[in-house]
């Protein structure tokens, strides 16, 4: 699909069934589009989503099916989680926010006396 970012906001739920991820950009795109997330607990996913959405980041396939079922039947919950995810994406995952976070991290690492050992 050409320019998938144009269409992600048309979905009701973003489901990530990957067995392995680290920091999925597709997740940030879904969050920025205001979607609730149902995902396997892989990589940084649980730390990326809004705290309200973390209950839907689950350890196995059965729990993912249950999470999707719960989200699919509750429009109010989907909207609440989607707005919380949108807020978090706009606050923490913009280009400026990410550059600032990396600059702080590298600055702290480079200023540590242990770095020279």
N, C-alpha and C. Protein backbone atom coordinates (compact mmCIF):
# COMPACT_ATOMS: atom_id res chain seq x y z
N UNK A 1 0.85 -1.17 0.00
CA UNK A 1 0.00 0.00 0.00
C UNK A 1 0.90 1.23 0.00
N UNK A 2 0.60 2.17 -0.85
CA UNK A 2 1.35 3.41 -0.93
C UNK A 2 0.89 4.35 0.18
N UNK A 3 1.83 4.92 0.92
CA UNK A 3 1.55 5.88 2.00
C UNK A 3 0.56 5.33 3.03
N UNK A 4 0.92 4.24 3.72
CA UNK A 4 -0.02 3.64 4.67
C UNK A 4 -0.42 4.57 5.81
N UNK A 5 0.41 5.53 6.13
CA UNK A 5 0.08 6.48 7.20
C UNK A 5 -1.21 7.24 6.91
N UNK A 6 -1.58 7.34 5.64
CA UNK A 6 -2.81 8.06 5.28
C UNK A 6 -4.06 7.28 5.68
N UNK A 7 -3.93 5.97 5.88
CA UNK A 7 -5.10 5.11 6.09
C UNK A 7 -5.21 4.54 7.49
N UNK A 8 -4.16 4.59 8.27
CA UNK A 8 -4.18 3.93 9.57
C UNK A 8 -5.26 4.49 10.49
N UNK A 9 -5.55 5.76 10.37
CA UNK A 9 -6.59 6.37 11.20
C UNK A 9 -8.00 5.91 10.87
N UNK A 10 -8.16 5.16 9.80
CA UNK A 10 -9.48 4.65 9.43
C UNK A 10 -9.84 3.37 10.20
N UNK A 11 -8.85 2.79 10.87
CA UNK A 11 -9.09 1.57 11.64
C UNK A 11 -9.67 1.91 13.01
N UNK A 12 -10.27 0.91 13.66
CA UNK A 12 -10.79 1.07 15.01
C UNK A 12 -9.79 0.63 16.07
N UNK A 13 -8.93 -0.34 15.73
CA UNK A 13 -7.97 -0.92 16.66
C UNK A 13 -6.70 -1.22 15.88
N UNK A 14 -5.56 -1.05 16.53
CA UNK A 14 -4.30 -1.48 15.95
C UNK A 14 -3.85 -2.72 16.68
N UNK A 15 -3.68 -3.82 15.97
CA UNK A 15 -3.24 -5.09 16.56
C UNK A 15 -1.83 -5.40 16.07
N UNK A 16 -0.97 -5.71 17.02
CA UNK A 16 0.42 -6.08 16.72
C UNK A 16 0.64 -7.48 17.25
N UNK A 17 0.71 -8.46 16.34
CA UNK A 17 0.82 -9.86 16.76
C UNK A 17 2.23 -10.41 16.61
N UNK A 18 3.20 -9.54 16.46
CA UNK A 18 4.58 -9.96 16.24
C UNK A 18 5.14 -10.76 17.41
N UNK A 19 5.99 -11.71 17.10
CA UNK A 19 6.72 -12.45 18.12
C UNK A 19 7.98 -11.71 18.55
N UNK A 20 8.42 -10.78 17.71
CA UNK A 20 9.65 -10.05 18.01
C UNK A 20 9.56 -8.64 17.43
N UNK A 21 9.78 -7.68 18.25
CA UNK A 21 9.84 -6.26 17.86
C UNK A 21 10.76 -5.59 18.86
N UNK A 22 11.18 -4.40 18.57
CA UNK A 22 11.89 -3.62 19.57
C UNK A 22 11.14 -2.31 19.81
N UNK A 23 11.16 -1.42 18.83
CA UNK A 23 10.52 -0.11 18.93
C UNK A 23 9.77 0.11 17.61
N UNK A 24 8.61 -0.53 17.44
CA UNK A 24 7.94 -0.50 16.14
C UNK A 24 7.39 0.89 15.77
N UNK A 25 7.84 1.39 14.65
CA UNK A 25 7.38 2.68 14.14
C UNK A 25 5.88 2.61 13.83
N UNK A 26 5.41 1.45 13.36
CA UNK A 26 3.98 1.31 13.06
C UNK A 26 3.14 1.55 14.31
N UNK A 27 3.65 1.20 15.46
CA UNK A 27 2.94 1.42 16.71
C UNK A 27 2.82 2.92 17.00
N UNK A 28 3.88 3.65 16.80
CA UNK A 28 3.84 5.11 17.00
C UNK A 28 2.86 5.75 16.03
N UNK A 29 2.86 5.29 14.79
CA UNK A 29 1.93 5.82 13.80
C UNK A 29 0.49 5.56 14.22
N UNK A 30 0.21 4.36 14.74
CA UNK A 30 -1.14 4.03 15.20
C UNK A 30 -1.52 4.88 16.41
N UNK A 31 -0.59 5.07 17.32
CA UNK A 31 -0.85 5.91 18.49
C UNK A 31 -1.14 7.34 18.06
N UNK A 32 -0.33 7.87 17.15
CA UNK A 32 -0.53 9.24 16.67
C UNK A 32 -1.88 9.39 15.96
N UNK A 33 -2.37 8.31 15.39
CA UNK A 33 -3.68 8.34 14.72
C UNK A 33 -4.83 8.19 15.71
N UNK A 34 -4.50 8.01 17.00
CA UNK A 34 -5.53 7.92 18.02
C UNK A 34 -6.17 6.56 18.15
N UNK A 35 -5.38 5.52 17.92
CA UNK A 35 -5.94 4.16 18.00
C UNK A 35 -5.58 3.48 19.31
N UNK A 36 -6.49 2.65 19.82
CA UNK A 36 -6.13 1.78 20.93
C UNK A 36 -5.26 0.66 20.38
N UNK A 37 -4.40 0.11 21.23
CA UNK A 37 -3.46 -0.91 20.81
C UNK A 37 -3.75 -2.22 21.52
N UNK A 38 -3.79 -3.31 20.76
CA UNK A 38 -3.78 -4.66 21.31
C UNK A 38 -2.51 -5.29 20.76
N UNK A 39 -1.63 -5.75 21.65
CA UNK A 39 -0.33 -6.22 21.18
C UNK A 39 0.22 -7.32 22.04
N UNK A 40 1.08 -8.10 21.43
CA UNK A 40 1.89 -9.03 22.19
C UNK A 40 2.90 -8.20 22.98
N UNK A 41 3.32 -8.71 24.12
CA UNK A 41 4.27 -8.00 24.97
C UNK A 41 5.68 -8.29 24.47
N UNK A 42 6.09 -7.55 23.47
CA UNK A 42 7.41 -7.71 22.86
C UNK A 42 8.13 -6.37 22.88
N UNK A 43 9.45 -6.44 22.94
CA UNK A 43 10.27 -5.23 22.86
C UNK A 43 9.82 -4.16 23.83
N UNK A 44 9.73 -2.94 23.32
CA UNK A 44 9.38 -1.77 24.12
C UNK A 44 7.89 -1.43 24.10
N UNK A 45 7.07 -2.28 23.52
CA UNK A 45 5.66 -1.95 23.30
C UNK A 45 4.97 -1.50 24.59
N UNK A 46 5.12 -2.25 25.67
CA UNK A 46 4.42 -1.89 26.92
C UNK A 46 4.84 -0.52 27.43
N UNK A 47 6.09 -0.16 27.20
CA UNK A 47 6.57 1.16 27.64
C UNK A 47 6.21 2.27 26.66
N UNK A 48 5.86 1.92 25.45
CA UNK A 48 5.53 2.92 24.45
C UNK A 48 4.08 3.40 24.56
N UNK A 49 3.16 2.47 24.78
CA UNK A 49 1.74 2.85 24.82
C UNK A 49 1.43 3.65 26.08
N UNK A 50 0.32 4.36 26.04
CA UNK A 50 -0.13 5.10 27.22
C UNK A 50 -0.38 4.11 28.36
N UNK A 51 -0.13 4.54 29.60
CA UNK A 51 -0.35 3.63 30.74
C UNK A 51 -1.73 2.98 30.74
N UNK A 52 -2.76 3.71 30.34
CA UNK A 52 -4.12 3.17 30.31
C UNK A 52 -4.26 2.00 29.35
N UNK A 53 -3.38 1.93 28.36
CA UNK A 53 -3.48 0.91 27.31
C UNK A 53 -2.66 -0.34 27.64
N UNK A 54 -1.85 -0.29 28.68
CA UNK A 54 -0.91 -1.39 28.96
C UNK A 54 -1.59 -2.72 29.27
N UNK A 55 -2.82 -2.70 29.75
CA UNK A 55 -3.52 -3.95 30.03
C UNK A 55 -3.78 -4.76 28.76
N UNK A 56 -3.69 -4.11 27.61
CA UNK A 56 -3.96 -4.77 26.33
C UNK A 56 -2.68 -5.17 25.61
N UNK A 57 -1.55 -5.07 26.31
CA UNK A 57 -0.26 -5.57 25.83
C UNK A 57 -0.04 -6.86 26.60
N UNK A 58 -0.16 -7.98 25.91
CA UNK A 58 -0.38 -9.27 26.56
C UNK A 58 0.69 -10.31 26.21
N UNK A 59 0.77 -11.39 27.00
CA UNK A 59 1.87 -12.35 26.84
C UNK A 59 1.66 -13.46 25.81
N UNK A 60 0.42 -13.72 25.38
CA UNK A 60 0.22 -14.86 24.49
C UNK A 60 -0.97 -14.64 23.54
N UNK A 61 -1.11 -15.58 22.62
CA UNK A 61 -2.15 -15.47 21.58
C UNK A 61 -3.56 -15.44 22.16
N UNK A 62 -3.82 -16.26 23.16
CA UNK A 62 -5.16 -16.30 23.76
C UNK A 62 -5.51 -14.97 24.41
N UNK A 63 -4.54 -14.38 25.09
CA UNK A 63 -4.77 -13.08 25.72
C UNK A 63 -4.93 -11.99 24.67
N UNK A 64 -4.23 -12.12 23.53
CA UNK A 64 -4.39 -11.13 22.46
C UNK A 64 -5.80 -11.22 21.87
N UNK A 65 -6.29 -12.42 21.69
CA UNK A 65 -7.66 -12.60 21.19
C UNK A 65 -8.66 -11.99 22.17
N UNK A 66 -8.43 -12.19 23.44
CA UNK A 66 -9.30 -11.62 24.47
C UNK A 66 -9.24 -10.09 24.46
N UNK A 67 -8.05 -9.55 24.34
CA UNK A 67 -7.88 -8.09 24.30
C UNK A 67 -8.60 -7.50 23.09
N UNK A 68 -8.46 -8.14 21.95
CA UNK A 68 -9.14 -7.67 20.74
C UNK A 68 -10.66 -7.75 20.91
N UNK A 69 -11.12 -8.82 21.53
CA UNK A 69 -12.55 -8.96 21.79
C UNK A 69 -13.08 -7.85 22.69
N UNK A 70 -12.36 -7.57 23.75
CA UNK A 70 -12.79 -6.52 24.68
C UNK A 70 -12.80 -5.15 24.00
N UNK A 71 -11.78 -4.86 23.22
CA UNK A 71 -11.74 -3.56 22.53
C UNK A 71 -12.80 -3.46 21.44
N UNK A 72 -13.07 -4.56 20.76
CA UNK A 72 -14.02 -4.51 19.65
C UNK A 72 -15.45 -4.25 20.10
N UNK A 73 -15.76 -4.55 21.36
CA UNK A 73 -17.13 -4.38 21.84
C UNK A 73 -17.35 -3.12 22.67
N UNK A 74 -16.30 -2.31 22.84
CA UNK A 74 -16.43 -1.15 23.73
C UNK A 74 -15.89 0.11 23.04
N UNK A 75 -16.76 0.82 22.36
CA UNK A 75 -16.35 2.02 21.62
C UNK A 75 -15.83 3.10 22.55
N UNK A 76 -16.43 3.26 23.71
CA UNK A 76 -15.98 4.29 24.66
C UNK A 76 -14.55 4.00 25.12
N UNK A 77 -14.26 2.75 25.42
CA UNK A 77 -12.92 2.35 25.81
C UNK A 77 -11.93 2.60 24.68
N UNK A 78 -12.30 2.23 23.45
CA UNK A 78 -11.42 2.45 22.30
C UNK A 78 -11.08 3.93 22.16
N UNK A 79 -12.08 4.79 22.29
CA UNK A 79 -11.83 6.23 22.15
C UNK A 79 -10.93 6.75 23.27
N UNK A 80 -11.20 6.30 24.50
CA UNK A 80 -10.40 6.76 25.64
C UNK A 80 -8.93 6.34 25.50
N UNK A 81 -8.71 5.08 25.15
CA UNK A 81 -7.35 4.59 24.97
C UNK A 81 -6.68 5.25 23.77
N UNK A 82 -7.44 5.43 22.70
CA UNK A 82 -6.90 6.08 21.51
C UNK A 82 -6.44 7.50 21.79
N UNK A 83 -7.23 8.25 22.54
CA UNK A 83 -6.84 9.63 22.88
C UNK A 83 -5.62 9.64 23.79
N UNK A 84 -5.56 8.72 24.73
CA UNK A 84 -4.39 8.64 25.61
C UNK A 84 -3.14 8.30 24.80
N UNK A 85 -3.28 7.39 23.84
CA UNK A 85 -2.14 7.05 22.98
C UNK A 85 -1.74 8.22 22.09
N UNK A 86 -2.72 8.95 21.56
CA UNK A 86 -2.41 10.11 20.72
C UNK A 86 -1.62 11.15 21.54
N UNK A 87 -2.07 11.41 22.76
CA UNK A 87 -1.39 12.36 23.63
C UNK A 87 0.05 11.92 23.87
N UNK A 88 0.23 10.65 24.19
CA UNK A 88 1.59 10.15 24.46
C UNK A 88 2.47 10.22 23.22
N UNK A 89 1.94 9.88 22.07
CA UNK A 89 2.72 9.95 20.83
C UNK A 89 3.15 11.39 20.55
N UNK A 90 2.24 12.32 20.71
CA UNK A 90 2.56 13.73 20.43
C UNK A 90 3.51 14.32 21.47
N UNK A 91 3.45 13.81 22.69
CA UNK A 91 4.32 14.32 23.74
C UNK A 91 5.71 13.70 23.69
N UNK A 92 5.78 12.38 23.46
CA UNK A 92 7.04 11.67 23.64
C UNK A 92 7.72 11.21 22.37
N UNK A 93 7.01 11.13 21.26
CA UNK A 93 7.59 10.49 20.09
C UNK A 93 7.66 11.37 18.84
N UNK A 94 7.59 12.68 19.02
CA UNK A 94 7.84 13.55 17.87
C UNK A 94 9.34 13.52 17.58
N UNK A 95 9.71 14.00 16.43
CA UNK A 95 11.14 14.04 16.08
C UNK A 95 11.92 14.86 17.10
N UNK A 96 11.40 16.03 17.47
CA UNK A 96 12.10 16.87 18.44
C UNK A 96 12.24 16.18 19.79
N UNK A 97 11.17 15.55 20.26
CA UNK A 97 11.22 14.86 21.56
C UNK A 97 12.22 13.72 21.53
N UNK A 98 12.27 12.98 20.44
CA UNK A 98 13.19 11.86 20.34
C UNK A 98 14.65 12.33 20.26
N UNK A 99 14.91 13.38 19.50
CA UNK A 99 16.27 13.92 19.41
C UNK A 99 16.71 14.42 20.79
N UNK A 100 15.83 15.12 21.50
CA UNK A 100 16.16 15.60 22.84
C UNK A 100 16.45 14.44 23.79
N UNK A 101 15.65 13.39 23.72
CA UNK A 101 15.84 12.24 24.60
C UNK A 101 17.18 11.56 24.32
N UNK A 102 17.51 11.40 23.04
CA UNK A 102 18.80 10.79 22.71
C UNK A 102 19.96 11.68 23.13
N UNK A 103 19.83 12.98 22.95
CA UNK A 103 20.89 13.91 23.36
C UNK A 103 21.13 13.82 24.87
N UNK A 104 20.04 13.75 25.66
CA UNK A 104 20.18 13.61 27.11
C UNK A 104 20.87 12.29 27.46
N UNK A 105 20.42 11.22 26.83
CA UNK A 105 20.98 9.91 27.10
C UNK A 105 22.47 9.86 26.78
N UNK A 106 22.84 10.33 25.61
CA UNK A 106 24.26 10.32 25.23
C UNK A 106 25.07 11.27 26.09
N UNK A 107 24.48 12.42 26.43
CA UNK A 107 25.17 13.37 27.30
C UNK A 107 25.46 12.77 28.66
N UNK A 108 24.49 12.06 29.23
CA UNK A 108 24.69 11.41 30.52
C UNK A 108 25.75 10.32 30.42
N UNK A 109 25.71 9.56 29.36
CA UNK A 109 26.69 8.48 29.19
C UNK A 109 28.09 9.04 29.03
N UNK A 110 28.22 10.08 28.23
CA UNK A 110 29.56 10.65 27.98
C UNK A 110 30.11 11.41 29.17
N UNK A 111 29.24 11.88 30.05
CA UNK A 111 29.73 12.61 31.22
C UNK A 111 30.06 11.69 32.40
N UNK A 112 29.78 10.41 32.25
CA UNK A 112 30.05 9.45 33.30
C UNK A 112 31.54 9.14 33.36
N UNK A 113 32.13 9.17 34.56
CA UNK A 113 33.56 8.82 34.67
C UNK A 113 33.84 7.39 34.24
N UNK A 114 32.84 6.52 34.31
CA UNK A 114 33.04 5.11 33.93
C UNK A 114 33.26 4.94 32.43
N UNK A 115 32.85 5.91 31.65
CA UNK A 115 32.94 5.76 30.19
C UNK A 115 34.40 5.64 29.74
N UNK A 116 35.31 6.18 30.50
CA UNK A 116 36.73 6.16 30.11
C UNK A 116 37.45 4.91 30.59
N UNK A 117 36.78 4.06 31.33
CA UNK A 117 37.44 2.84 31.84
C UNK A 117 37.37 1.72 30.85
